[in-house]
C-alpha atoms as a PDB file:
ATOM      1  CA  MET A   1      14.405 115.246  71.274  1.00  0.00           C
ATOM      2  CA  TYR A   2      15.173 117.391  74.271  1.00  0.00           C
ATOM      3  CA  ILE A   3      18.602 118.405  72.952  1.00  0.00           C
ATOM      4  CA  ALA A   4      17.222 118.975  69.464  1.00  0.00           C
ATOM      5  CA  TYR A   5      14.540 121.268  70.913  1.00  0.00           C
ATOM      6  CA  TRP A   6      17.110 123.346  72.778  1.00  0.00           C
ATOM      7  CA  ILE A   7      19.311 123.744  69.715  1.00  0.00           C
ATOM      8  CA  VAL A   8      16.506 124.742  67.348  1.00  0.00           C
ATOM      9  CA  ALA A   9      14.498 126.793  69.860  1.00  0.00           C
ATOM     10  CA  GLY A  10      17.638 128.473  71.166  1.00  0.00           C
ATOM     11  CA  LEU A  11      18.659 129.620  67.689  1.00  0.00           C
ATOM     12  CA  LEU A  12      15.123 130.770  66.932  1.00  0.00           C
ATOM     13  CA  ALA A  13      14.932 132.651  70.237  1.00  0.00           C
ATOM     14  CA  LEU A  14      18.287 134.341  69.597  1.00  0.00           C
ATOM     15  CA  PHE A  15      17.107 135.506  66.194  1.00  0.00           C
ATOM     16  CA  TYR A  16      13.846 136.901  67.549  1.00  0.00           C
ATOM     17  CA  VAL A  17      15.507 138.652  70.495  1.00  0.00           C
ATOM     18  CA  TYR A  18      17.920 140.304  68.060  1.00  0.00           C
ATOM     19  CA  ALA A  19      15.289 141.266  65.475  1.00  0.00           C
ATOM     20  CA  GLY A  20      12.791 142.365  68.120  1.00  0.00           C
ATOM     21  CA  THR A  21      15.330 144.507  69.930  1.00  0.00           C
ATOM     22  CA  LEU A  22      16.256 146.241  66.686  1.00  0.00           C
ATOM     23  CA  LYS A  23      12.599 147.031  66.018  1.00  0.00           C
ATOM     24  CA  VAL A  24      12.109 148.412  69.518  1.00  0.00           C
ATOM     25  CA  ILE A  25      15.238 150.584  69.836  1.00  0.00           C
ATOM     26  CA  ARG A  26      16.004 151.759  66.299  1.00  0.00           C
ATOM     27  CA  SER A  27      14.299 154.453  64.289  1.00  0.00           C
ATOM     28  CA  ARG A  28      12.599 153.853  60.963  1.00  0.00           C
ATOM     29  CA  ASP A  29      15.570 155.386  59.132  1.00  0.00           C
ATOM     30  CA  GLN A  30      17.957 152.988  60.864  1.00  0.00           C
ATOM     31  CA  LEU A  31      15.753 149.979  60.080  1.00  0.00           C
ATOM     32  CA  ARG A  32      15.094 150.848  56.425  1.00  0.00           C
ATOM     33  CA  PRO A  33      18.333 149.408  54.956  1.00  0.00           C
ATOM     34  CA  MET A  34      17.584 145.929  56.329  1.00  0.00           C
ATOM     35  CA  MET A  35      13.776 146.062  56.513  1.00  0.00           C
ATOM     36  CA  SER A  36      12.329 148.014  53.601  1.00  0.00           C
ATOM     37  CA  TRP A  37       8.765 147.186  54.673  1.00  0.00           C
ATOM     38  CA  VAL A  38       8.971 149.546  57.684  1.00  0.00           C
ATOM     39  CA  ASP A  39       7.971 152.474  55.462  1.00  0.00           C
ATOM     40  CA  ARG A  40       4.551 150.888  54.971  1.00  0.00           C
ATOM     41  CA  MET A  41       3.896 150.410  58.697  1.00  0.00           C
ATOM     42  CA  PRO A  42       3.340 152.966  61.459  1.00  0.00           C
ATOM     43  CA  VAL A  43       6.229 153.137  63.932  1.00  0.00           C
ATOM     44  CA  PRO A  44       4.072 151.929  66.874  1.00  0.00           C
ATOM     45  CA  VAL A  45       3.199 148.792  64.872  1.00  0.00           C
ATOM     46  CA  VAL A  46       6.885 148.092  64.206  1.00  0.00           C
ATOM     47  CA  MET A  47       7.713 148.606  67.895  1.00  0.00           C
ATOM     48  CA  THR A  48       4.810 146.375  68.968  1.00  0.00           C
ATOM     49  CA  LEU A  49       5.976 143.687  66.577  1.00  0.00           C
ATOM     50  CA  GLY A  50       9.442 143.899  68.117  1.00  0.00           C
ATOM     51  CA  THR A  51       7.991 143.552  71.601  1.00  0.00           C
ATOM     52  CA  VAL A  52       5.945 140.528  70.535  1.00  0.00           C
ATOM     53  CA  GLU A  53       9.073 138.922  69.072  1.00  0.00           C
ATOM     54  CA  ILE A  54      11.024 139.433  72.303  1.00  0.00           C
ATOM     55  CA  LEU A  55       8.176 138.044  74.410  1.00  0.00           C
ATOM     56  CA  GLY A  56       7.865 135.111  72.019  1.00  0.00           C
ATOM     57  CA  ALA A  57      11.556 134.320  72.414  1.00  0.00           C
ATOM     58  CA  ILE A  58      11.024 134.248  76.168  1.00  0.00           C
ATOM     59  CA  GLY A  59       8.038 131.940  75.602  1.00  0.00           C
ATOM     60  CA  LEU A  60      10.237 129.480  73.728  1.00  0.00           C
ATOM     61  CA  ILE A  61      12.843 129.308  76.485  1.00  0.00           C
ATOM     62  CA  LEU A  62      11.160 129.873  79.847  1.00  0.00           C
ATOM     63  CA  PRO A  63       8.535 127.080  79.973  1.00  0.00           C
ATOM     64  CA  PRO A  64      10.952 124.219  79.149  1.00  0.00           C
ATOM     65  CA  LEU A  65      13.616 125.768  81.354  1.00  0.00           C
ATOM     66  CA  THR A  66      11.336 125.908  84.387  1.00  0.00           C
ATOM     67  CA  GLY A  67       9.197 122.869  83.565  1.00  0.00           C
ATOM     68  CA  ILE A  68       6.078 124.985  84.107  1.00  0.00           C
ATOM     69  CA  ALA A  69       3.352 125.275  81.448  1.00  0.00           C
ATOM     70  CA  LEU A  70       5.231 123.302  78.783  1.00  0.00           C
ATOM     71  CA  PRO A  71       2.414 123.634  76.199  1.00  0.00           C
ATOM     72  CA  LEU A  72       3.185 127.359  76.046  1.00  0.00           C
ATOM     73  CA  ALA A  73       6.425 126.582  74.207  1.00  0.00           C
ATOM     74  CA  ALA A  74       4.517 124.787  71.438  1.00  0.00           C
ATOM     75  CA  ALA A  75       1.931 127.577  71.334  1.00  0.00           C
ATOM     76  CA  THR A  76       4.675 130.182  71.041  1.00  0.00           C
ATOM     77  CA  ALA A  77       6.455 128.301  68.274  1.00  0.00           C
ATOM     78  CA  SER A  78       3.223 127.867  66.326  1.00  0.00           C
ATOM     79  CA  SER A  79       2.533 131.577  66.786  1.00  0.00           C
ATOM     80  CA  PHE A  80       5.877 132.272  65.121  1.00  0.00           C
ATOM     81  CA  VAL A  81       4.693 130.182  62.160  1.00  0.00           C
ATOM     82  CA  LEU A  82       1.651 132.460  61.896  1.00  0.00           C
ATOM     83  CA  LEU A  83       3.790 135.578  62.376  1.00  0.00           C
ATOM     84  CA  GLN A  84       6.049 134.541  59.516  1.00  0.00           C
ATOM     85  CA  GLY A  85       3.013 133.793  57.348  1.00  0.00           C
ATOM     86  CA  GLY A  86       1.991 137.405  57.851  1.00  0.00           C
ATOM     87  CA  ALA A  87       5.540 138.573  57.163  1.00  0.00           C
ATOM     88  CA  ILE A  88       5.595 136.670  53.882  1.00  0.00           C
ATOM     89  CA  ALA A  89       2.298 138.304  52.910  1.00  0.00           C
ATOM     90  CA  VAL A  90       3.686 141.768  53.728  1.00  0.00           C
ATOM     91  CA  HIS A  91       6.794 141.113  51.645  1.00  0.00           C
ATOM     92  CA  LEU A  92       4.840 139.778  48.674  1.00  0.00           C
ATOM     93  CA  THR A  93       2.346 142.656  48.642  1.00  0.00           C
ATOM     94  CA  GLY A  94       5.113 145.254  48.637  1.00  0.00           C
ATOM     95  CA  GLU A  95       8.076 145.842  46.406  1.00  0.00           C
ATOM     96  CA  ASP A  96      10.331 143.605  48.499  1.00  0.00           C
ATOM     97  CA  ARG A  97       9.926 140.041  47.310  1.00  0.00           C
ATOM     98  CA  ARG A  98      12.810 138.533  49.301  1.00  0.00           C
ATOM     99  CA  ILE A  99      11.141 135.885  51.435  1.00  0.00           C
ATOM    100  CA  ALA A 100      13.858 133.244  51.754  1.00  0.00           C
ATOM    101  CA  LEU A 101      14.608 134.224  55.367  1.00  0.00           C
ATOM    102  CA  ASN A 102      10.901 134.175  56.206  1.00  0.00           C
ATOM    103  CA  VAL A 103      10.445 130.724  54.677  1.00  0.00           C
ATOM    104  CA  GLY A 104      13.429 129.491  56.684  1.00  0.00           C
ATOM    105  CA  LEU A 105      12.039 130.986  59.884  1.00  0.00           C
ATOM    106  CA  THR A 106       8.629 129.451  59.175  1.00  0.00           C
ATOM    107  CA  THR A 107      10.210 126.036  58.715  1.00  0.00           C
ATOM    108  CA  THR A 108      12.328 126.422  61.850  1.00  0.00           C
ATOM    109  CA  ALA A 109       9.304 127.503  63.886  1.00  0.00           C
ATOM    110  CA  ALA A 110       7.297 124.534  62.567  1.00  0.00           C
ATOM    111  CA  VAL A 111      10.086 122.132  63.559  1.00  0.00           C
ATOM    112  CA  THR A 112      10.272 123.828  66.964  1.00  0.00           C
ATOM    113  CA  THR A 113       6.523 123.372  67.368  1.00  0.00           C
ATOM    114  CA  TRP A 114       6.837 119.667  66.615  1.00  0.00           C
ATOM    115  CA  LEU A 115       9.789 119.265  68.986  1.00  0.00           C
ATOM    116  CA  ALA A 116       7.981 121.185  71.737  1.00  0.00           C
ATOM    117  CA  THR A 117       5.104 118.707  71.600  1.00  0.00           C
ATOM    118  CA  ARG A 118       7.631 115.944  72.326  1.00  0.00           C
ATOM    119  CA  LEU A 119       9.048 117.526  75.504  1.00  0.00           C
END
């Protein structure tokens, strides 16, 4: 279970570091081609979301790596499930109905949550 956690959580953390960094450092015009929903959100909200994603990625990796506060990894992973639930809602209420990536991320975060409870 330990190896499975590191594989799944590591991939999830890499994705969120990448996506979060894009949201923090790029302008709305640069994000629009890959994230059409950014036009419906204020820029500070998009940047805050990016920061939360980066901090969440750290929360998936740091507790198991240090052995300190292991329940935080499960809490972080379950928070990503909730985050993706909100993302799916945003996509479905707008013109962009592509949610396959969000469903995959929700599933991956749910598996990570389950694996984190087994650490």
